All heavy atoms as atom14 arrays in JSON, in Angstrom:
{
  "sequence": "DQYWRRHMVRLLDMEAPGPGGLRQSMIDGFNSGFAYAGRLHRQCNS",
  "atom14_mask": [
    [1, 1, 1, 1, 1, 1, 1, 1, 0, 0, 0, 0, 0, 0],
    [1, 1, 1, 1, 1, 1, 1, 1, 1, 0, 0, 0, 0, 0],
    [1, 1, 1, 1, 1, 1, 1, 1, 1, 1, 1, 1, 0, 0],
    [1, 1, 1, 1, 1, 1, 1, 1, 1, 1, 1, 1, 1, 1],
    [1, 1, 1, 1, 1, 1, 1, 1, 1, 1, 1, 0, 0, 0],
    [1, 1, 1, 1, 1, 1, 1, 1, 1, 1, 1, 0, 0, 0],
    [1, 1, 1, 1, 1, 1, 1, 1, 1, 1, 0, 0, 0, 0],
    [1, 1, 1, 1, 1, 1, 1, 1, 0, 0, 0, 0, 0, 0],
    [1, 1, 1, 1, 1, 1, 1, 0, 0, 0, 0, 0, 0, 0],
    [1, 1, 1, 1, 1, 1, 1, 1, 1, 1, 1, 0, 0, 0],
    [1, 1, 1, 1, 1, 1, 1, 1, 0, 0, 0, 0, 0, 0],
    [1, 1, 1, 1, 1, 1, 1, 1, 0, 0, 0, 0, 0, 0],
    [1, 1, 1, 1, 1, 1, 1, 1, 0, 0, 0, 0, 0, 0],
    [1, 1, 1, 1, 1, 1, 1, 1, 0, 0, 0, 0, 0, 0],
    [1, 1, 1, 1, 1, 1, 1, 1, 1, 0, 0, 0, 0, 0],
    [1, 1, 1, 1, 1, 0, 0, 0, 0, 0, 0, 0, 0, 0],
    [1, 1, 1, 1, 1, 1, 1, 0, 0, 0, 0, 0, 0, 0],
    [1, 1, 1, 1, 0, 0, 0, 0, 0, 0, 0, 0, 0, 0],
    [1, 1, 1, 1, 1, 1, 1, 0, 0, 0, 0, 0, 0, 0],
    [1, 1, 1, 1, 0, 0, 0, 0, 0, 0, 0, 0, 0, 0],
    [1, 1, 1, 1, 0, 0, 0, 0, 0, 0, 0, 0, 0, 0],
    [1, 1, 1, 1, 1, 1, 1, 1, 0, 0, 0, 0, 0, 0],
    [1, 1, 1, 1, 1, 1, 1, 1, 1, 1, 1, 0, 0, 0],
    [1, 1, 1, 1, 1, 1, 1, 1, 1, 0, 0, 0, 0, 0],
    [1, 1, 1, 1, 1, 1, 0, 0, 0, 0, 0, 0, 0, 0],
    [1, 1, 1, 1, 1, 1, 1, 1, 0, 0, 0, 0, 0, 0],
    [1, 1, 1, 1, 1, 1, 1, 1, 0, 0, 0, 0, 0, 0],
    [1, 1, 1, 1, 1, 1, 1, 1, 0, 0, 0, 0, 0, 0],
    [1, 1, 1, 1, 0, 0, 0, 0, 0, 0, 0, 0, 0, 0],
    [1, 1, 1, 1, 1, 1, 1, 1, 1, 1, 1, 0, 0, 0],
    [1, 1, 1, 1, 1, 1, 1, 1, 0, 0, 0, 0, 0, 0],
    [1, 1, 1, 1, 1, 1, 0, 0, 0, 0, 0, 0, 0, 0],
    [1, 1, 1, 1, 0, 0, 0, 0, 0, 0, 0, 0, 0, 0],
    [1, 1, 1, 1, 1, 1, 1, 1, 1, 1, 1, 0, 0, 0],
    [1, 1, 1, 1, 1, 0, 0, 0, 0, 0, 0, 0, 0, 0],
    [1, 1, 1, 1, 1, 1, 1, 1, 1, 1, 1, 1, 0, 0],
    [1, 1, 1, 1, 1, 0, 0, 0, 0, 0, 0, 0, 0, 0],
    [1, 1, 1, 1, 0, 0, 0, 0, 0, 0, 0, 0, 0, 0],
    [1, 1, 1, 1, 1, 1, 1, 1, 1, 1, 1, 0, 0, 0],
    [1, 1, 1, 1, 1, 1, 1, 1, 0, 0, 0, 0, 0, 0],
    [1, 1, 1, 1, 1, 1, 1, 1, 1, 1, 0, 0, 0, 0],
    [1, 1, 1, 1, 1, 1, 1, 1, 1, 1, 1, 0, 0, 0],
    [1, 1, 1, 1, 1, 1, 1, 1, 1, 0, 0, 0, 0, 0],
    [1, 1, 1, 1, 1, 1, 0, 0, 0, 0, 0, 0, 0, 0],
    [1, 1, 1, 1, 1, 1, 1, 1, 0, 0, 0, 0, 0, 0],
    [1, 1, 1, 1, 1, 1, 0, 0, 0, 0, 0, 0, 0, 0]
  ],
  "atom14_positions": [
    [[0.0, -6.17, 6.7], [0.6, -7.51, 6.78], [2.11, -7.38, 6.92], [2.81, -7.12, 5.96], [0.24, -8.35, 5.56], [0.63, -9.8, 5.72], [1.57, -10.1, 6.48], [-0.01, -10.65, 5.07], [0.0, 0.0, 0.0], [0.0, 0.0, 0.0], [0.0, 0.0, 0.0], [0.0, 0.0, 0.0], [0.0, 0.0, 0.0], [0.0, 0.0, 0.0]],
    [[2.58, -7.53, 8.11], [4.0, -7.38, 8.42], [4.65, -8.73, 8.77], [5.64, -8.79, 9.49], [4.19, -6.38, 9.57], [3.71, -4.98, 9.23], [4.61, -4.34, 8.18], [5.8, -4.19, 8.4], [4.04, -3.98, 7.04], [0.0, 0.0, 0.0], [0.0, 0.0, 0.0], [0.0, 0.0, 0.0], [0.0, 0.0, 0.0], [0.0, 0.0, 0.0]],
    [[4.08, -9.79, 8.24], [4.53, -11.14, 8.57], [6.03, -11.31, 8.37], [6.75, -11.69, 9.3], [3.76, -12.16, 7.73], [4.18, -13.58, 8.04], [3.63, -14.25, 9.12], [5.14, -14.23, 7.27], [4.02, -15.54, 9.42], [5.53, -15.52, 7.57], [4.97, -16.17, 8.64], [5.37, -17.44, 8.95], [0.0, 0.0, 0.0], [0.0, 0.0, 0.0]],
    [[6.54, -11.06, 7.17], [7.96, -11.27, 6.89], [8.84, -10.24, 7.61], [9.95, -10.55, 8.03], [8.23, -11.26, 5.39], [7.65, -12.45, 4.7], [6.62, -12.45, 3.79], [8.03, -13.82, 4.84], [6.35, -13.73, 3.37], [7.21, -14.6, 4.0], [9.0, -14.47, 5.6], [7.33, -15.98, 3.89], [9.11, -15.85, 5.5], [8.28, -16.58, 4.65]],
    [[8.34, -9.04, 7.76], [9.1, -8.02, 8.46], [9.32, -8.42, 9.92], [10.39, -8.23, 10.49], [8.41, -6.66, 8.38], [9.24, -5.55, 8.99], [8.54, -4.18, 8.83], [9.32, -3.16, 9.46], [9.33, -2.91, 10.77], [8.57, -3.63, 11.59], [10.06, -1.95, 11.26], [0.0, 0.0, 0.0], [0.0, 0.0, 0.0], [0.0, 0.0, 0.0]],
    [[8.3, -9.0, 10.54], [8.46, -9.46, 11.92], [9.56, -10.51, 12.03], [10.33, -10.53, 12.99], [7.13, -10.02, 12.46], [6.15, -8.93, 12.86], [4.97, -9.48, 13.66], [4.23, -10.53, 12.97], [3.2, -10.31, 12.16], [2.79, -9.08, 11.93], [2.57, -11.33, 11.59], [0.0, 0.0, 0.0], [0.0, 0.0, 0.0], [0.0, 0.0, 0.0]],
    [[9.64, -11.38, 11.03], [10.73, -12.37, 11.04], [12.09, -11.7, 10.86], [13.07, -12.13, 11.45], [10.5, -13.44, 9.99], [9.39, -14.37, 10.38], [9.51, -15.27, 11.41], [8.14, -14.51, 9.91], [8.39, -15.92, 11.55], [7.53, -15.47, 10.66], [0.0, 0.0, 0.0], [0.0, 0.0, 0.0], [0.0, 0.0, 0.0], [0.0, 0.0, 0.0]],
    [[12.12, -10.65, 10.06], [13.37, -9.92, 9.89], [13.78, -9.26, 11.2], [14.96, -9.3, 11.59], [13.21, -8.87, 8.78], [14.42, -7.99, 8.58], [15.87, -8.96, 8.08], [17.12, -7.69, 8.15], [0.0, 0.0, 0.0], [0.0, 0.0, 0.0], [0.0, 0.0, 0.0], [0.0, 0.0, 0.0], [0.0, 0.0, 0.0], [0.0, 0.0, 0.0]],
    [[12.84, -8.65, 11.89], [13.15, -8.02, 13.17], [13.68, -9.05, 14.16], [14.66, -8.82, 14.87], [11.91, -7.28, 13.73], [12.11, -6.84, 15.17], [11.57, -6.08, 12.85], [0.0, 0.0, 0.0], [0.0, 0.0, 0.0], [0.0, 0.0, 0.0], [0.0, 0.0, 0.0], [0.0, 0.0, 0.0], [0.0, 0.0, 0.0], [0.0, 0.0, 0.0]],
    [[13.07, -10.21, 14.17], [13.53, -11.29, 15.05], [14.94, -11.73, 14.68], [15.78, -11.95, 15.55], [12.56, -12.46, 14.96], [12.87, -13.55, 15.94], [11.74, -14.53, 15.96], [12.11, -15.64, 16.83], [11.66, -16.86, 16.7], [10.82, -17.13, 15.73], [12.04, -17.8, 17.51], [0.0, 0.0, 0.0], [0.0, 0.0, 0.0], [0.0, 0.0, 0.0]],
    [[15.21, -11.86, 13.39], [16.55, -12.24, 12.93], [17.57, -11.18, 13.34], [18.65, -11.5, 13.83], [16.55, -12.43, 11.41], [17.85, -12.92, 10.79], [18.19, -14.33, 11.28], [17.73, -12.9, 9.27], [0.0, 0.0, 0.0], [0.0, 0.0, 0.0], [0.0, 0.0, 0.0], [0.0, 0.0, 0.0], [0.0, 0.0, 0.0], [0.0, 0.0, 0.0]],
    [[17.23, -9.91, 13.19], [18.11, -8.83, 13.63], [18.37, -8.91, 15.13], [19.52, -8.76, 15.58], [17.51, -7.46, 13.29], [17.6, -7.0, 11.85], [16.73, -5.78, 11.64], [19.04, -6.71, 11.45], [0.0, 0.0, 0.0], [0.0, 0.0, 0.0], [0.0, 0.0, 0.0], [0.0, 0.0, 0.0], [0.0, 0.0, 0.0], [0.0, 0.0, 0.0]],
    [[17.32, -9.11, 15.89], [17.46, -9.2, 17.34], [18.41, -10.31, 17.76], [19.15, -10.18, 18.73], [16.11, -9.4, 18.02], [15.22, -8.17, 17.96], [15.72, -7.07, 17.64], [14.01, -8.31, 18.23], [0.0, 0.0, 0.0], [0.0, 0.0, 0.0], [0.0, 0.0, 0.0], [0.0, 0.0, 0.0], [0.0, 0.0, 0.0], [0.0, 0.0, 0.0]],
    [[18.38, -11.41, 17.02], [19.21, -12.56, 17.37], [20.64, -12.44, 16.83], [21.59, -12.79, 17.52], [18.59, -13.85, 16.83], [17.24, -14.19, 17.43], [17.28, -14.45, 19.21], [18.25, -15.94, 19.31], [0.0, 0.0, 0.0], [0.0, 0.0, 0.0], [0.0, 0.0, 0.0], [0.0, 0.0, 0.0], [0.0, 0.0, 0.0], [0.0, 0.0, 0.0]],
    [[20.79, -11.97, 15.61], [22.09, -12.01, 14.95], [22.87, -10.7, 15.0], [24.09, -10.72, 14.89], [21.92, -12.43, 13.49], [21.28, -13.79, 13.33], [22.04, -14.9, 14.04], [23.29, -14.88, 14.05], [21.39, -15.79, 14.61], [0.0, 0.0, 0.0], [0.0, 0.0, 0.0], [0.0, 0.0, 0.0], [0.0, 0.0, 0.0], [0.0, 0.0, 0.0]],
    [[22.18, -9.59, 15.15], [22.86, -8.29, 15.17], [22.07, -7.33, 16.05], [21.5, -6.35, 15.58], [23.0, -7.75, 13.75], [0.0, 0.0, 0.0], [0.0, 0.0, 0.0], [0.0, 0.0, 0.0], [0.0, 0.0, 0.0], [0.0, 0.0, 0.0], [0.0, 0.0, 0.0], [0.0, 0.0, 0.0], [0.0, 0.0, 0.0], [0.0, 0.0, 0.0]],
    [[22.02, -7.61, 17.36], [21.15, -6.82, 18.24], [21.59, -5.37, 18.44], [20.76, -4.52, 18.72], [21.19, -7.59, 19.57], [22.44, -8.39, 19.52], [22.7, -8.69, 18.07], [0.0, 0.0, 0.0], [0.0, 0.0, 0.0], [0.0, 0.0, 0.0], [0.0, 0.0, 0.0], [0.0, 0.0, 0.0], [0.0, 0.0, 0.0], [0.0, 0.0, 0.0]],
    [[22.85, -5.1, 18.28], [23.33, -3.74, 18.48], [23.73, -3.09, 17.18], [23.82, -3.74, 16.14], [0.0, 0.0, 0.0], [0.0, 0.0, 0.0], [0.0, 0.0, 0.0], [0.0, 0.0, 0.0], [0.0, 0.0, 0.0], [0.0, 0.0, 0.0], [0.0, 0.0, 0.0], [0.0, 0.0, 0.0], [0.0, 0.0, 0.0], [0.0, 0.0, 0.0]],
    [[23.99, -1.79, 17.24], [24.41, -1.09, 16.04], [25.74, -1.64, 15.52], [26.54, -2.15, 16.29], [24.57, 0.37, 16.48], [24.46, 0.39, 17.95], [23.97, -0.94, 18.41], [0.0, 0.0, 0.0], [0.0, 0.0, 0.0], [0.0, 0.0, 0.0], [0.0, 0.0, 0.0], [0.0, 0.0, 0.0], [0.0, 0.0, 0.0], [0.0, 0.0, 0.0]],
    [[25.92, -1.57, 14.23], [27.17, -2.03, 13.65], [27.0, -2.4, 12.19], [25.91, -2.31, 11.63], [0.0, 0.0, 0.0], [0.0, 0.0, 0.0], [0.0, 0.0, 0.0], [0.0, 0.0, 0.0], [0.0, 0.0, 0.0], [0.0, 0.0, 0.0], [0.0, 0.0, 0.0], [0.0, 0.0, 0.0], [0.0, 0.0, 0.0], [0.0, 0.0, 0.0]],
    [[28.09, -2.83, 11.61], [28.11, -3.12, 10.18], [27.2, -4.25, 9.77], [26.52, -4.16, 8.75], [0.0, 0.0, 0.0], [0.0, 0.0, 0.0], [0.0, 0.0, 0.0], [0.0, 0.0, 0.0], [0.0, 0.0, 0.0], [0.0, 0.0, 0.0], [0.0, 0.0, 0.0], [0.0, 0.0, 0.0], [0.0, 0.0, 0.0], [0.0, 0.0, 0.0]],
    [[27.18, -5.35, 10.54], [26.33, -6.47, 10.17], [24.86, -6.06, 10.21], [24.11, -6.34, 9.27], [26.56, -7.68, 11.08], [25.65, -8.88, 10.82], [25.81, -9.39, 9.39], [25.94, -9.99, 11.83], [0.0, 0.0, 0.0], [0.0, 0.0, 0.0], [0.0, 0.0, 0.0], [0.0, 0.0, 0.0], [0.0, 0.0, 0.0], [0.0, 0.0, 0.0]],
    [[24.44, -5.41, 11.27], [23.04, -4.99, 11.38], [22.65, -4.09, 10.22], [21.62, -4.28, 9.58], [22.8, -4.29, 12.71], [21.34, -3.9, 12.91], [21.13, -3.23, 14.27], [19.74, -2.96, 14.5], [18.86, -3.82, 15.01], [19.25, -5.03, 15.36], [17.6, -3.48, 15.18], [0.0, 0.0, 0.0], [0.0, 0.0, 0.0], [0.0, 0.0, 0.0]],
    [[23.5, -3.12, 9.91], [23.19, -2.19, 8.82], [23.16, -2.92, 7.48], [22.29, -2.66, 6.64], [24.17, -1.03, 8.77], [23.74, 0.08, 7.83], [22.36, 0.65, 8.18], [22.12, 1.07, 9.3], [21.44, 0.64, 7.22], [0.0, 0.0, 0.0], [0.0, 0.0, 0.0], [0.0, 0.0, 0.0], [0.0, 0.0, 0.0], [0.0, 0.0, 0.0]],
    [[24.06, -3.85, 7.28], [24.07, -4.62, 6.03], [22.81, -5.47, 5.9], [22.25, -5.62, 4.81], [25.31, -5.51, 5.95], [26.46, -4.7, 5.82], [0.0, 0.0, 0.0], [0.0, 0.0, 0.0], [0.0, 0.0, 0.0], [0.0, 0.0, 0.0], [0.0, 0.0, 0.0], [0.0, 0.0, 0.0], [0.0, 0.0, 0.0], [0.0, 0.0, 0.0]],
    [[22.36, -6.04, 7.01], [21.13, -6.83, 6.99], [19.92, -5.94, 6.67], [19.07, -6.31, 5.87], [20.94, -7.55, 8.32], [21.94, -8.67, 8.55], [21.87, -9.36, 10.22], [20.26, -10.17, 10.18], [0.0, 0.0, 0.0], [0.0, 0.0, 0.0], [0.0, 0.0, 0.0], [0.0, 0.0, 0.0], [0.0, 0.0, 0.0], [0.0, 0.0, 0.0]],
    [[19.85, -4.78, 7.29], [18.75, -3.84, 7.03], [18.79, -3.39, 5.57], [17.75, -3.36, 4.89], [18.82, -2.64, 7.99], [18.49, -3.09, 9.42], [17.88, -1.52, 7.54], [18.79, -2.06, 10.49], [0.0, 0.0, 0.0], [0.0, 0.0, 0.0], [0.0, 0.0, 0.0], [0.0, 0.0, 0.0], [0.0, 0.0, 0.0], [0.0, 0.0, 0.0]],
    [[19.99, -3.06, 5.08], [20.11, -2.66, 3.68], [19.68, -3.79, 2.74], [19.02, -3.54, 1.73], [21.55, -2.24, 3.37], [21.95, -0.94, 4.06], [21.08, -0.2, 4.56], [23.18, -0.68, 4.1], [0.0, 0.0, 0.0], [0.0, 0.0, 0.0], [0.0, 0.0, 0.0], [0.0, 0.0, 0.0], [0.0, 0.0, 0.0], [0.0, 0.0, 0.0]],
    [[20.05, -5.02, 3.08], [19.66, -6.17, 2.27], [18.15, -6.34, 2.24], [17.55, -6.57, 1.18], [0.0, 0.0, 0.0], [0.0, 0.0, 0.0], [0.0, 0.0, 0.0], [0.0, 0.0, 0.0], [0.0, 0.0, 0.0], [0.0, 0.0, 0.0], [0.0, 0.0, 0.0], [0.0, 0.0, 0.0], [0.0, 0.0, 0.0], [0.0, 0.0, 0.0]],
    [[17.51, -6.24, 3.4], [16.05, -6.36, 3.47], [15.39, -5.27, 2.64], [14.49, -5.55, 1.83], [15.6, -6.25, 4.93], [14.11, -6.4, 5.12], [13.55, -7.65, 5.24], [13.28, -5.29, 5.18], [12.16, -7.8, 5.42], [11.92, -5.42, 5.36], [11.36, -6.69, 5.48], [0.0, 0.0, 0.0], [0.0, 0.0, 0.0], [0.0, 0.0, 0.0]],
    [[15.83, -4.03, 2.81], [15.24, -2.92, 2.06], [15.47, -3.06, 0.56], [14.59, -2.75, -0.25], [15.78, -1.59, 2.57], [15.28, -1.27, 3.97], [14.27, -1.79, 4.42], [16.0, -0.42, 4.68], [0.0, 0.0, 0.0], [0.0, 0.0, 0.0], [0.0, 0.0, 0.0], [0.0, 0.0, 0.0], [0.0, 0.0, 0.0], [0.0, 0.0, 0.0]],
    [[16.64, -3.53, 0.18], [16.94, -3.75, -1.23], [16.04, -4.84, -1.81], [15.51, -4.69, -2.91], [18.41, -4.13, -1.39], [18.71, -4.43, -2.72], [0.0, 0.0, 0.0], [0.0, 0.0, 0.0], [0.0, 0.0, 0.0], [0.0, 0.0, 0.0], [0.0, 0.0, 0.0], [0.0, 0.0, 0.0], [0.0, 0.0, 0.0], [0.0, 0.0, 0.0]],
    [[15.87, -5.92, -1.07], [14.98, -6.99, -1.52], [13.54, -6.52, -1.66], [12.85, -6.86, -2.62], [0.0, 0.0, 0.0], [0.0, 0.0, 0.0], [0.0, 0.0, 0.0], [0.0, 0.0, 0.0], [0.0, 0.0, 0.0], [0.0, 0.0, 0.0], [0.0, 0.0, 0.0], [0.0, 0.0, 0.0], [0.0, 0.0, 0.0], [0.0, 0.0, 0.0]],
    [[13.09, -5.72, -0.7], [11.74, -5.16, -0.74], [11.56, -4.31, -1.99], [10.57, -4.45, -2.72], [11.47, -4.34, 0.52], [10.1, -3.75, 0.58], [9.04, -4.49, 1.06], [9.87, -2.45, 0.17], [7.76, -3.95, 1.12], [8.6, -1.89, 0.22], [7.54, -2.64, 0.69], [0.0, 0.0, 0.0], [0.0, 0.0, 0.0], [0.0, 0.0, 0.0]],
    [[12.52, -3.43, -2.26], [12.44, -2.56, -3.43], [12.47, -3.37, -4.73], [11.73, -3.08, -5.67], [13.58, -1.55, -3.41], [0.0, 0.0, 0.0], [0.0, 0.0, 0.0], [0.0, 0.0, 0.0], [0.0, 0.0, 0.0], [0.0, 0.0, 0.0], [0.0, 0.0, 0.0], [0.0, 0.0, 0.0], [0.0, 0.0, 0.0], [0.0, 0.0, 0.0]],
    [[13.31, -4.4, -4.77], [13.4, -5.25, -5.94], [12.05, -5.91, -6.24], [11.58, -5.91, -7.38], [14.48, -6.31, -5.75], [14.55, -7.32, -6.87], [15.25, -7.02, -8.04], [13.92, -8.55, -6.77], [15.31, -7.92, -9.08], [13.97, -9.46, -7.81], [14.67, -9.15, -8.97], [14.72, -10.05, -10.0], [0.0, 0.0, 0.0], [0.0, 0.0, 0.0]],
    [[11.43, -6.47, -5.22], [10.13, -7.12, -5.4], [9.09, -6.12, -5.9], [8.27, -6.46, -6.76], [9.67, -7.77, -4.1], [0.0, 0.0, 0.0], [0.0, 0.0, 0.0], [0.0, 0.0, 0.0], [0.0, 0.0, 0.0], [0.0, 0.0, 0.0], [0.0, 0.0, 0.0], [0.0, 0.0, 0.0], [0.0, 0.0, 0.0], [0.0, 0.0, 0.0]],
    [[9.15, -4.89, -5.4], [8.21, -3.87, -5.84], [8.4, -3.47, -7.3], [7.43, -3.18, -8.0], [0.0, 0.0, 0.0], [0.0, 0.0, 0.0], [0.0, 0.0, 0.0], [0.0, 0.0, 0.0], [0.0, 0.0, 0.0], [0.0, 0.0, 0.0], [0.0, 0.0, 0.0], [0.0, 0.0, 0.0], [0.0, 0.0, 0.0], [0.0, 0.0, 0.0]],
    [[9.64, -3.47, -7.75], [9.9, -3.16, -9.16], [9.49, -4.33, -10.07], [9.01, -4.11, -11.18], [11.38, -2.85, -9.39], [11.82, -1.5, -8.85], [13.23, -1.13, -9.29], [14.23, -2.15, -8.99], [14.9, -2.25, -7.84], [14.66, -1.39, -6.86], [15.81, -3.19, -7.67], [0.0, 0.0, 0.0], [0.0, 0.0, 0.0], [0.0, 0.0, 0.0]],
    [[9.69, -5.53, -9.61], [9.43, -6.71, -10.42], [7.94, -7.07, -10.47], [7.44, -7.5, -11.5], [10.23, -7.89, -9.87], [10.3, -9.15, -10.7], [10.96, -8.86, -12.06], [11.1, -10.21, -9.96], [0.0, 0.0, 0.0], [0.0, 0.0, 0.0], [0.0, 0.0, 0.0], [0.0, 0.0, 0.0], [0.0, 0.0, 0.0], [0.0, 0.0, 0.0]],
    [[7.25, -6.9, -9.37], [5.84, -7.28, -9.27], [5.01, -6.05, -8.96], [5.04, -5.53, -7.86], [5.65, -8.34, -8.18], [6.46, -9.57, -8.42], [6.09, -10.54, -9.32], [7.64, -9.97, -7.9], [7.0, -11.48, -9.35], [7.95, -11.17, -8.49], [0.0, 0.0, 0.0], [0.0, 0.0, 0.0], [0.0, 0.0, 0.0], [0.0, 0.0, 0.0]],
    [[4.24, -5.64, -9.93], [3.41, -4.44, -9.77], [1.96, -4.77, -9.4], [1.2, -3.88, -9.05], [3.45, -3.61, -11.03], [4.87, -3.22, -11.41], [4.94, -1.77, -11.76], [6.29, -1.4, -12.11], [7.03, -0.62, -11.35], [6.56, -0.17, -10.22], [8.24, -0.29, -11.73], [0.0, 0.0, 0.0], [0.0, 0.0, 0.0], [0.0, 0.0, 0.0]],
    [[1.59, -6.02, -9.51], [0.24, -6.44, -9.12], [0.3, -7.83, -8.51], [1.19, -8.61, -8.8], [-0.71, -6.41, -10.32], [-0.27, -7.26, -11.48], [-1.23, -7.15, -12.65], [-2.44, -7.36, -12.46], [-0.73, -6.83, -13.82], [0.0, 0.0, 0.0], [0.0, 0.0, 0.0], [0.0, 0.0, 0.0], [0.0, 0.0, 0.0], [0.0, 0.0, 0.0]],
    [[-0.65, -8.08, -7.64], [-0.73, -9.39, -7.0], [-1.42, -10.34, -7.97], [-2.59, -10.19, -8.27], [-1.51, -9.3, -5.68], [-1.57, -10.88, -4.82], [0.0, 0.0, 0.0], [0.0, 0.0, 0.0], [0.0, 0.0, 0.0], [0.0, 0.0, 0.0], [0.0, 0.0, 0.0], [0.0, 0.0, 0.0], [0.0, 0.0, 0.0], [0.0, 0.0, 0.0]],
    [[-0.65, -11.27, -8.46], [-1.18, -12.28, -9.38], [-0.48, -13.6, -9.1], [0.29, -13.7, -8.14], [-1.01, -11.82, -10.84], [0.43, -11.47, -11.16], [1.37, -12.0, -10.57], [0.62, -10.57, -12.12], [0.0, 0.0, 0.0], [0.0, 0.0, 0.0], [0.0, 0.0, 0.0], [0.0, 0.0, 0.0], [0.0, 0.0, 0.0], [0.0, 0.0, 0.0]],
    [[-0.75, -14.59, -9.93], [-0.16, -15.9, -9.67], [1.37, -15.87, -9.75], [2.04, -16.58, -9.01], [-0.73, -16.95, -10.62], [-0.44, -16.61, -11.97], [0.0, 0.0, 0.0], [0.0, 0.0, 0.0], [0.0, 0.0, 0.0], [0.0, 0.0, 0.0], [0.0, 0.0, 0.0], [0.0, 0.0, 0.0], [0.0, 0.0, 0.0], [0.0, 0.0, 0.0]]
  ]
}
C-alpha cells in the first residue's frame, strides 16, 4: 500500500522536480514522519 507515498512523489514532482535543498528537505521530512509513525504505532489498532 503506497497510497500516501504516491502523493508524496507527486508533490515532489510538482514542487521540487530537480535536485536541490528543497527536494532533499521534503524527502527528509517524509522519511522522518514515516519513522516517527513507526515508533509511535507498533500495531494497527483504532
